[in-house]
N, C-alpha and C. Protein backbone atom coordinates (compact mmCIF):
# COMPACT_ATOMS: atom_id res chain seq x y z
N MET A 1 -35.32 -42.07 195.57
CA MET A 1 -34.48 -41.94 194.58
C MET A 1 -33.42 -40.83 194.97
N LYS A 2 -33.47 -40.21 195.69
CA LYS A 2 -33.18 -38.89 196.00
C LYS A 2 -31.67 -39.27 196.59
N LYS A 3 -31.91 -40.10 197.37
CA LYS A 3 -30.70 -40.76 198.16
C LYS A 3 -29.83 -41.70 197.31
N ILE A 4 -30.13 -42.17 196.10
CA ILE A 4 -29.66 -43.26 195.52
C ILE A 4 -28.75 -42.19 194.59
N VAL A 5 -29.45 -41.08 193.76
CA VAL A 5 -28.56 -40.06 193.24
C VAL A 5 -27.15 -39.35 194.06
N PHE A 6 -27.77 -39.31 195.19
CA PHE A 6 -26.88 -38.65 196.26
C PHE A 6 -25.83 -39.01 196.37
N SER A 7 -26.35 -40.45 196.81
CA SER A 7 -25.12 -41.70 197.19
C SER A 7 -24.23 -41.83 196.00
N SER A 8 -24.57 -42.16 195.15
CA SER A 8 -23.87 -42.24 193.87
C SER A 8 -22.84 -40.97 193.32
N LEU A 9 -23.11 -39.74 193.55
CA LEU A 9 -22.36 -38.75 193.10
C LEU A 9 -21.46 -38.69 193.96
N VAL A 10 -21.63 -39.03 195.26
CA VAL A 10 -20.49 -38.91 196.56
C VAL A 10 -19.74 -39.76 196.55
N MET A 11 -19.86 -41.40 195.88
CA MET A 11 -18.88 -42.14 195.81
C MET A 11 -18.19 -42.19 194.13
N GLY A 12 -18.53 -41.36 193.14
CA GLY A 12 -17.99 -40.97 192.30
C GLY A 12 -17.22 -39.64 192.20
N PHE A 13 -17.50 -38.99 193.38
CA PHE A 13 -16.90 -37.94 193.62
C PHE A 13 -15.50 -38.40 194.24
N CYS A 14 -15.36 -39.48 195.54
CA CYS A 14 -14.66 -39.70 196.56
C CYS A 14 -13.77 -40.60 195.49
N ALA A 15 -14.33 -41.20 194.17
CA ALA A 15 -13.29 -42.21 193.15
C ALA A 15 -12.34 -41.54 192.74
N VAL A 16 -12.91 -40.03 192.40
CA VAL A 16 -12.00 -39.28 191.58
C VAL A 16 -11.03 -38.69 192.55
N MET A 17 -11.39 -38.46 193.77
CA MET A 17 -10.44 -37.74 194.40
C MET A 17 -9.31 -38.48 195.02
N ALA A 18 -9.49 -39.75 195.28
CA ALA A 18 -8.72 -41.04 195.37
C ALA A 18 -7.30 -41.29 194.23
N GLN A 19 -7.98 -40.94 193.02
CA GLN A 19 -6.68 -40.83 192.19
C GLN A 19 -5.76 -40.37 192.59
N ALA A 20 -4.18 -40.68 192.25
CA ALA A 20 -2.97 -40.09 192.42
C ALA A 20 -2.80 -38.90 191.53
N GLU A 21 -2.21 -38.17 192.19
CA GLU A 21 -1.45 -37.10 191.30
C GLU A 21 -0.70 -37.51 190.46
N THR A 22 -1.20 -36.63 189.26
CA THR A 22 -0.20 -37.07 187.95
C THR A 22 0.40 -35.54 187.52
N ARG A 23 0.17 -34.58 187.97
CA ARG A 23 1.10 -33.26 187.91
C ARG A 23 2.26 -33.41 188.37
N ASP A 24 3.44 -32.85 187.74
CA ASP A 24 4.63 -32.55 188.33
C ASP A 24 4.24 -31.77 189.58
N ILE A 25 5.21 -32.29 190.59
CA ILE A 25 4.69 -31.46 192.13
C ILE A 25 6.29 -30.74 192.50
N LEU A 26 6.13 -30.07 193.15
CA LEU A 26 7.37 -29.70 194.18
C LEU A 26 7.35 -30.54 195.42
N THR A 27 8.25 -31.23 195.86
CA THR A 27 8.33 -32.03 196.82
C THR A 27 9.52 -30.95 198.16
N TYR A 28 9.25 -31.43 198.97
CA TYR A 28 10.03 -30.62 200.11
C TYR A 28 11.54 -31.19 199.98
N GLU A 29 11.72 -32.70 199.43
CA GLU A 29 13.20 -33.14 199.35
C GLU A 29 13.35 -32.36 198.16
N GLN A 30 13.29 -31.86 197.14
CA GLN A 30 13.74 -30.95 195.82
C GLN A 30 13.65 -29.59 196.68
N ALA A 31 12.80 -29.02 197.35
CA ALA A 31 13.06 -27.47 197.70
C ALA A 31 14.18 -27.66 198.52
N ALA A 32 14.36 -28.49 199.41
CA ALA A 32 15.14 -28.20 200.33
C ALA A 32 16.81 -28.54 199.95
N ALA A 33 16.51 -29.53 198.65
CA ALA A 33 17.80 -29.55 198.15
C ALA A 33 18.42 -28.12 197.19
N GLY A 34 17.44 -27.49 196.90
CA GLY A 34 17.84 -25.85 196.32
C GLY A 34 18.08 -25.23 197.19
N VAL A 35 17.42 -25.46 198.50
CA VAL A 35 17.94 -24.04 199.44
C VAL A 35 19.49 -24.40 200.02
N ASP A 36 19.42 -25.92 200.11
CA ASP A 36 20.74 -26.16 200.65
C ASP A 36 22.14 -25.87 199.39
N ALA A 37 22.00 -25.86 197.97
CA ALA A 37 22.65 -25.78 197.11
C ALA A 37 23.10 -23.96 197.32
N CYS A 38 21.94 -23.20 197.23
CA CYS A 38 21.85 -21.78 197.47
C CYS A 38 22.68 -21.50 198.99
N ILE A 39 22.36 -21.97 200.17
CA ILE A 39 23.56 -21.49 200.78
C ILE A 39 24.57 -22.06 200.94
N SER A 40 24.88 -23.10 200.27
CA SER A 40 26.36 -23.72 199.98
C SER A 40 27.00 -22.76 199.20
N MET A 41 26.52 -22.23 197.88
CA MET A 41 27.32 -21.11 196.96
C MET A 41 27.35 -19.85 197.87
N ALA A 42 26.58 -19.30 198.82
CA ALA A 42 26.60 -18.38 199.43
C ALA A 42 27.44 -18.33 200.47
N THR A 43 27.96 -19.45 201.34
CA THR A 43 28.74 -19.31 201.94
C THR A 43 30.03 -19.42 201.84
N ASP A 44 30.12 -20.36 200.63
CA ASP A 44 31.41 -20.23 199.83
C ASP A 44 32.21 -19.15 199.41
N ASN A 45 31.17 -18.16 199.45
CA ASN A 45 31.01 -16.72 198.48
C ASN A 45 31.32 -15.60 199.43
N GLY A 46 31.28 -15.84 200.66
CA GLY A 46 30.93 -14.61 201.66
C GLY A 46 29.52 -13.88 201.69
N TRP A 47 28.42 -14.74 200.70
CA TRP A 47 27.48 -13.68 201.04
C TRP A 47 26.52 -14.25 202.06
N ASN A 48 25.80 -13.18 202.53
CA ASN A 48 24.35 -13.44 203.27
C ASN A 48 23.32 -13.28 202.65
N VAL A 49 22.23 -14.18 202.71
CA VAL A 49 21.30 -14.14 201.97
C VAL A 49 19.66 -15.04 202.56
N SER A 50 19.02 -14.45 202.08
CA SER A 50 17.80 -15.27 201.86
C SER A 50 17.43 -16.16 201.25
N ILE A 51 16.48 -17.37 201.28
CA ILE A 51 16.07 -18.29 200.03
C ILE A 51 14.74 -18.45 200.50
N VAL A 52 13.85 -18.28 199.28
CA VAL A 52 12.27 -18.95 199.75
C VAL A 52 11.97 -19.92 198.36
N VAL A 53 11.68 -21.00 198.79
CA VAL A 53 10.95 -21.53 197.49
C VAL A 53 9.29 -22.30 197.84
N VAL A 54 8.83 -21.61 196.69
CA VAL A 54 6.91 -22.14 196.76
C VAL A 54 6.69 -22.64 195.73
N ASP A 55 5.71 -23.48 196.21
CA ASP A 55 5.05 -24.45 195.16
C ASP A 55 4.12 -23.88 194.54
N ARG A 56 3.23 -24.64 193.59
CA ARG A 56 2.65 -24.08 192.38
C ARG A 56 1.54 -23.12 193.04
N GLY A 57 1.41 -23.53 194.35
CA GLY A 57 0.25 -22.64 195.09
C GLY A 57 0.43 -21.50 195.96
N ASP A 58 1.81 -21.07 195.67
CA ASP A 58 2.38 -19.85 195.97
C ASP A 58 2.62 -19.95 197.74
N ASN A 59 2.82 -21.29 198.09
CA ASN A 59 2.96 -21.78 199.66
C ASN A 59 4.50 -21.86 199.65
N ALA A 60 4.72 -21.69 201.08
CA ALA A 60 6.66 -21.82 201.15
C ALA A 60 6.29 -23.44 201.46
N VAL A 61 7.54 -23.98 201.25
CA VAL A 61 8.31 -25.19 200.90
C VAL A 61 9.21 -25.21 202.04
N ALA A 62 9.90 -25.06 201.53
CA ALA A 62 11.07 -24.61 202.29
C ALA A 62 12.12 -22.91 202.22
N SER A 63 12.65 -22.72 203.40
CA SER A 63 13.41 -21.50 203.32
C SER A 63 14.44 -21.41 204.18
N ALA A 64 15.45 -20.18 204.19
CA ALA A 64 16.59 -19.97 205.02
C ALA A 64 16.90 -18.62 205.26
N ARG A 65 17.10 -18.17 206.05
CA ARG A 65 17.75 -16.77 206.51
C ARG A 65 18.91 -16.96 206.96
N MET A 66 20.34 -16.66 206.25
CA MET A 66 21.44 -16.66 207.11
C MET A 66 21.76 -16.10 208.06
N THR A 67 22.57 -16.24 208.83
CA THR A 67 22.58 -15.47 210.48
C THR A 67 22.65 -13.93 210.12
N GLU A 68 23.62 -13.42 209.29
CA GLU A 68 24.25 -12.32 209.01
C GLU A 68 22.88 -11.48 207.89
N ALA A 69 22.20 -12.28 207.23
CA ALA A 69 21.38 -11.49 206.40
C ALA A 69 20.31 -10.94 207.45
N LEU A 70 19.73 -9.58 206.54
CA LEU A 70 18.89 -8.72 207.03
C LEU A 70 17.57 -9.31 206.98
N SER A 71 16.87 -8.92 207.67
CA SER A 71 15.69 -9.69 208.03
C SER A 71 14.54 -9.25 206.57
N ALA A 72 14.88 -8.04 206.09
CA ALA A 72 14.45 -7.48 205.07
C ALA A 72 14.54 -8.48 203.83
N SER A 73 15.66 -8.86 203.63
CA SER A 73 16.22 -9.91 202.56
C SER A 73 15.08 -11.24 202.63
N TYR A 74 14.32 -11.53 203.64
CA TYR A 74 13.41 -12.65 203.78
C TYR A 74 12.14 -12.38 202.86
N THR A 75 11.72 -10.69 203.44
CA THR A 75 10.29 -10.34 202.51
C THR A 75 11.08 -10.51 201.39
N GLY A 76 12.62 -9.93 200.90
CA GLY A 76 12.38 -9.78 199.46
C GLY A 76 12.49 -11.12 198.82
N ALA A 77 12.97 -12.10 199.29
CA ALA A 77 13.18 -13.56 198.63
C ALA A 77 11.87 -13.68 198.52
N THR A 78 11.00 -13.64 199.15
CA THR A 78 9.49 -14.23 199.38
C THR A 78 8.57 -13.62 197.96
N LEU A 79 9.11 -12.41 197.96
CA LEU A 79 8.43 -11.61 196.82
C LEU A 79 9.13 -12.05 195.58
N LYS A 80 10.24 -12.16 195.49
CA LYS A 80 10.63 -12.65 194.15
C LYS A 80 10.38 -13.93 193.62
N ALA A 81 10.35 -14.74 194.60
CA ALA A 81 10.13 -16.25 194.32
C ALA A 81 7.96 -16.29 193.64
N SER A 82 7.31 -15.59 194.59
CA SER A 82 5.95 -15.43 194.40
C SER A 82 5.78 -14.40 192.68
N SER A 83 6.95 -13.66 192.62
CA SER A 83 6.73 -12.92 191.04
C SER A 83 7.00 -14.09 190.03
N ALA A 84 8.33 -14.75 190.19
CA ALA A 84 8.80 -15.64 189.45
C ALA A 84 7.85 -17.02 189.19
N LEU A 85 6.95 -17.46 189.86
CA LEU A 85 6.12 -18.24 189.94
C LEU A 85 4.64 -17.32 189.13
N ALA A 86 4.32 -16.40 189.63
CA ALA A 86 3.00 -15.77 188.99
C ALA A 86 3.55 -14.98 187.23
N TRP A 87 4.64 -14.97 187.35
CA TRP A 87 4.79 -14.43 185.49
C TRP A 87 5.44 -15.24 185.37
N GLY A 88 5.86 -16.29 185.40
CA GLY A 88 6.48 -17.46 184.55
C GLY A 88 7.74 -17.65 183.84
N MET A 89 8.69 -16.56 184.92
CA MET A 89 9.78 -16.18 184.25
C MET A 89 10.56 -15.42 185.57
N PRO A 90 11.97 -15.56 184.91
CA PRO A 90 12.81 -14.84 185.99
C PRO A 90 12.53 -13.00 186.08
N THR A 91 12.30 -13.03 187.50
CA THR A 91 11.85 -11.63 187.84
C THR A 91 12.85 -10.07 187.10
N GLN A 92 13.68 -10.54 186.63
CA GLN A 92 14.79 -9.54 185.71
C GLN A 92 13.86 -9.49 184.60
N GLY A 93 13.65 -10.32 183.93
CA GLY A 93 12.75 -10.52 182.70
C GLY A 93 11.23 -9.59 182.81
N ILE A 94 10.73 -9.74 183.86
CA ILE A 94 9.66 -9.30 184.14
C ILE A 94 9.88 -7.49 183.78
N GLU A 95 10.90 -7.21 184.25
CA GLU A 95 11.10 -5.30 184.45
C GLU A 95 10.94 -5.64 182.84
N GLY A 96 11.53 -5.84 182.08
CA GLY A 96 11.70 -5.51 180.62
C GLY A 96 10.49 -6.13 179.88
N PHE A 97 9.34 -6.77 180.50
CA PHE A 97 8.16 -7.07 179.96
C PHE A 97 7.35 -5.77 180.42
N ILE A 98 7.45 -5.38 181.49
CA ILE A 98 6.37 -4.07 181.83
C ILE A 98 6.88 -2.94 181.60
N ALA A 99 8.08 -2.86 181.27
CA ALA A 99 8.38 -1.27 181.23
C ALA A 99 7.56 -0.36 180.41
N ASP A 100 7.01 -0.89 179.16
CA ASP A 100 6.11 0.03 178.47
C ASP A 100 4.50 -0.03 178.98
N LYS A 101 4.42 -1.22 179.90
CA LYS A 101 3.05 -0.89 180.52
C LYS A 101 3.26 -0.69 181.94
N PRO A 102 3.06 0.25 182.13
CA PRO A 102 3.37 0.97 183.80
C PRO A 102 2.20 0.41 184.81
N GLU A 103 0.66 0.19 184.01
CA GLU A 103 -0.02 -0.25 184.72
C GLU A 103 0.26 -1.59 185.67
N PHE A 104 1.07 -2.51 184.99
CA PHE A 104 1.47 -3.53 185.65
C PHE A 104 1.98 -3.54 186.99
N ARG A 105 2.63 -2.46 187.25
CA ARG A 105 3.47 -1.95 188.57
C ARG A 105 2.62 -2.20 189.92
N ALA A 106 1.26 -1.80 189.40
CA ALA A 106 0.38 -1.98 190.32
C ALA A 106 -0.18 -3.24 191.09
N PHE A 107 0.45 -4.43 190.42
CA PHE A 107 0.45 -5.42 190.65
C PHE A 107 1.07 -5.39 192.28
N PRO A 108 0.04 -6.19 193.07
CA PRO A 108 0.67 -6.46 194.57
C PRO A 108 1.69 -7.28 194.94
N GLY A 109 2.63 -6.98 195.71
CA GLY A 109 3.78 -7.94 195.79
C GLY A 109 4.67 -8.20 194.67
N LEU A 110 4.39 -7.24 193.51
CA LEU A 110 5.37 -7.44 192.23
C LEU A 110 6.93 -6.99 192.50
N LEU A 111 7.90 -7.84 192.16
CA LEU A 111 9.37 -7.40 192.53
C LEU A 111 10.03 -7.67 191.38
N THR A 112 10.68 -6.77 190.62
CA THR A 112 11.45 -7.24 189.33
C THR A 112 12.69 -7.28 189.57
N ILE A 113 13.18 -7.39 190.92
CA ILE A 113 15.09 -7.68 190.58
C ILE A 113 15.30 -8.44 190.45
N ALA A 114 16.74 -8.91 190.15
CA ALA A 114 17.33 -10.46 189.90
C ALA A 114 17.49 -11.28 191.04
N GLY A 115 16.84 -12.25 190.91
CA GLY A 115 16.96 -13.20 192.12
C GLY A 115 15.50 -14.17 192.03
N GLY A 116 14.91 -14.05 191.61
CA GLY A 116 13.48 -15.02 191.48
C GLY A 116 13.72 -15.95 189.93
N VAL A 117 13.19 -17.10 190.12
CA VAL A 117 13.02 -17.72 189.01
C VAL A 117 12.14 -18.81 189.05
N PRO A 118 11.24 -19.27 188.14
CA PRO A 118 10.81 -20.13 188.53
C PRO A 118 11.27 -21.81 188.57
N ALA A 119 10.36 -22.52 189.55
CA ALA A 119 11.54 -23.89 189.86
C ALA A 119 10.72 -24.82 188.85
N THR A 120 11.39 -25.47 187.92
CA THR A 120 10.72 -26.59 186.72
C THR A 120 10.78 -27.64 187.11
N SER A 121 10.21 -29.01 186.71
CA SER A 121 10.18 -29.90 186.79
C SER A 121 11.42 -30.70 185.82
N GLU A 122 11.86 -31.66 185.86
CA GLU A 122 12.76 -32.53 184.89
C GLU A 122 12.33 -32.17 183.50
N ALA A 123 10.63 -32.33 183.23
CA ALA A 123 10.27 -32.11 182.22
C ALA A 123 9.82 -30.53 181.82
N GLY A 124 10.35 -29.56 182.49
CA GLY A 124 10.26 -28.45 182.00
C GLY A 124 8.66 -27.71 182.70
N THR A 125 7.94 -28.30 183.49
CA THR A 125 7.23 -27.73 183.54
C THR A 125 7.31 -27.00 185.32
N VAL A 126 6.27 -25.63 185.07
CA VAL A 126 6.61 -24.80 186.35
C VAL A 126 6.02 -25.41 187.08
N ILE A 127 6.84 -25.96 188.34
CA ILE A 127 6.22 -26.25 189.85
C ILE A 127 6.11 -25.86 190.88
N GLY A 128 6.79 -24.15 190.59
CA GLY A 128 6.77 -23.57 192.00
C GLY A 128 7.85 -21.97 191.61
N GLY A 129 8.16 -21.45 192.66
CA GLY A 129 9.07 -20.20 192.22
C GLY A 129 10.30 -20.33 193.53
N ILE A 130 11.53 -19.51 193.13
CA ILE A 130 12.39 -19.61 194.11
C ILE A 130 12.92 -17.99 194.24
N GLY A 131 12.98 -17.25 195.20
CA GLY A 131 13.61 -16.24 195.58
C GLY A 131 14.82 -16.39 196.48
N VAL A 132 15.74 -15.74 196.12
CA VAL A 132 17.27 -14.72 196.66
C VAL A 132 17.45 -13.48 196.85
N ALA A 133 17.06 -13.59 197.98
CA ALA A 133 17.73 -11.73 198.07
C ALA A 133 18.61 -11.51 199.26
N GLY A 134 19.43 -10.50 199.28
CA GLY A 134 20.42 -10.06 200.42
C GLY A 134 21.83 -9.97 199.85
N SER A 135 22.20 -9.97 199.02
CA SER A 135 23.38 -9.95 198.22
C SER A 135 22.87 -9.00 196.83
N SER A 136 23.84 -9.12 196.00
CA SER A 136 23.82 -7.97 195.15
C SER A 136 22.41 -8.54 194.04
N PRO A 137 21.77 -8.02 193.42
CA PRO A 137 20.93 -8.75 192.35
C PRO A 137 21.61 -9.68 191.38
N GLY A 138 22.94 -9.71 191.23
CA GLY A 138 23.51 -10.68 190.46
C GLY A 138 24.02 -11.83 190.90
N ASN A 139 24.15 -11.79 192.43
CA ASN A 139 24.60 -12.63 193.10
C ASN A 139 23.69 -13.71 193.42
N ASP A 140 22.29 -12.56 193.81
CA ASP A 140 20.83 -13.44 193.96
C ASP A 140 20.66 -14.10 193.02
N ALA A 141 20.77 -13.66 191.52
CA ALA A 141 20.11 -14.37 190.27
C ALA A 141 21.54 -16.01 190.77
N ALA A 142 22.83 -15.69 190.83
CA ALA A 142 23.05 -16.83 190.43
C ALA A 142 22.75 -18.17 191.59
N CYS A 143 22.73 -17.72 192.87
CA CYS A 143 22.19 -18.26 193.75
C CYS A 143 20.91 -18.98 193.56
N ALA A 144 19.92 -18.35 192.77
CA ALA A 144 18.62 -18.76 192.37
C ALA A 144 18.66 -20.10 191.45
N ALA A 145 19.73 -19.35 190.41
CA ALA A 145 19.62 -20.39 189.60
C ALA A 145 20.62 -21.91 189.85
N VAL A 146 21.40 -21.69 191.08
CA VAL A 146 22.44 -23.00 191.56
C VAL A 146 21.19 -23.93 192.42
N ALA A 147 20.36 -23.16 192.65
CA ALA A 147 18.93 -23.77 193.64
C ALA A 147 18.16 -24.55 192.54
N ALA A 148 17.72 -23.52 191.29
CA ALA A 148 16.60 -24.25 190.69
C ALA A 148 17.50 -25.59 189.86
N ASN A 149 18.72 -25.38 189.71
CA ASN A 149 19.50 -26.56 189.16
C ASN A 149 19.62 -27.88 190.05
N ALA A 150 19.87 -27.55 191.08
CA ALA A 150 19.85 -28.81 192.13
C ALA A 150 18.17 -29.53 192.83
N LEU A 151 17.08 -28.23 192.86
CA LEU A 151 16.00 -28.53 192.47
C LEU A 151 15.07 -29.90 191.69
N ALA A 152 15.98 -29.68 189.96
CA ALA A 152 14.94 -30.09 188.82
C ALA A 152 15.55 -31.45 188.76
N LYS A 153 17.03 -31.68 189.77
CA LYS A 153 17.06 -33.02 189.60
C LYS A 153 16.32 -34.47 190.33
């Protein structure tokens, strides 16, 4: 009897696991389109940036560091992408949110400099985060916005 119950549970679990993903997900193709759009904008404007695109699990899906970008910019881009994903808002918006809550500054890896935005699906669902660093905060934010628009298509 125990074997039958166990077998039934295993088969039921396998059937559930075999179902197709129904949530919006971030694909490599989307992430790469976002990276390409950002790098193109940065090249056209003479900026040297790094860009990191992470999925909902905060795993890097696509990234780039332009030849002349400082190596620290890659770390900054990664932290911005993770912060935008975790908080579900652009990184510069996080600063305003935590201004009167200094205890939030203790969150590991929190970076509130402009240049991080959530990555969203066409339906508006958060599917990841985008971080750009290496130029001015305004330029980083502009590059991240271009990447987000390219990625959502």
